[in-house]
Amino acid sequence: MTQTVVETMPVISITAGCLPEAWEKAVLAVWDQGYEVKTQYDKPDDPPSKDATVMIAVTNPFHEPRIHKNFPGGPEELEAYRQEVVGGIHDHWIDPAAGKWTYTYHERLFAYRPVEDLRNPRSSKPFQAVNQIQYIIDCLSEAGHTRRAQAVTWMPTADPQTDDPPCLQRIWCRLVADEAGQWTLNMNTHWRSRDLYKAWFMNVYALTDLQRTIAEAIAARRGEPVRVGRYVDISDSLHIYGSYFREAAVEVEKMRNTSFSQRAWESNHPAFEMMTQEAREKLARDPDWFAKARG
């Protein structure tokens, strides 16, 4: 009996010891194994993207080296994005009525408030903003083994109508004790869709900093140390867009043929520290500084 071979999107599992290693392993895996598929953002001449469902486990997200020198961006952009997610410096950009942003991750995580159903406004009810990160902190401070410490971003009343709905869907956290009996905070994040080449590294740099922030708050509440544990990143669609295959191919070649140490920085590298500190000072004076600098 002849069986029909059905083309399916691959499911890839990756384990890495630090963030730059995780990004490289994911780029190489999707580049080599990704399913070719068109996207809603392609121009007529763009090649199809490479796409896969991917789970990436980073055993120690603060292990050095923590910075990849060749991710598409720089220290200033990385710091601005970290502050956007963890500190909410760009929440004031949210203004759908004016054609501006419909959300930020910070706003959805720290002040989730369902909006009116525009198709039936009379049925809508007023909701108070919910600080879901504080809920995670409170929940785990009281019972570290709970399975309920999560935060969501998706808003069915609003997001399906927008051109750029959230990629991040959910954060789930849990406290576990290591062999020495010390508490560690594990974090899982779930993403419906993800730009692997240009967005993944910045996403995870910011989300693991949020993981650190949550761990410190739980430690303060419990009165005992809580370390940052492993980070797991699950993407339903992790993709490399065909429109920048040429750019990505150059980096893939470097990943295959040069030493990893040439492509990674420790977070205390003088050049990285200097550029990051300059970005912090400029953002403190003007949260919109980086956006203005990019035009």
Foldseek 3Di string as FASTA:
>chain_A
DDDDDDDDFAEEEEEEAELVVQLLVVLVCQVVRFDFDADPPDDPPFGGWGKHWYKYKHFAHQDPPHFFQPFPDALLVLLLLLCCQQVVLPQVQCDVVVVTDPGGNNCQQQFNFADAQPVCRVPDDGDGTDNLLVVLLVVCLVPQADFPNKGARDHVSPQVVDPDHFQWGMKTWGWDADPVRAIEIEIETEGAEEASRHPVSSVVSNVLVSLVVSQVSSCVSNVHHYHYGMYMYTYRIYIHTSVCPVVSVVVSVCSVPHDSVVGTDHCVDPVSVVSNVVSVVVCVVPSCVVVVVVD
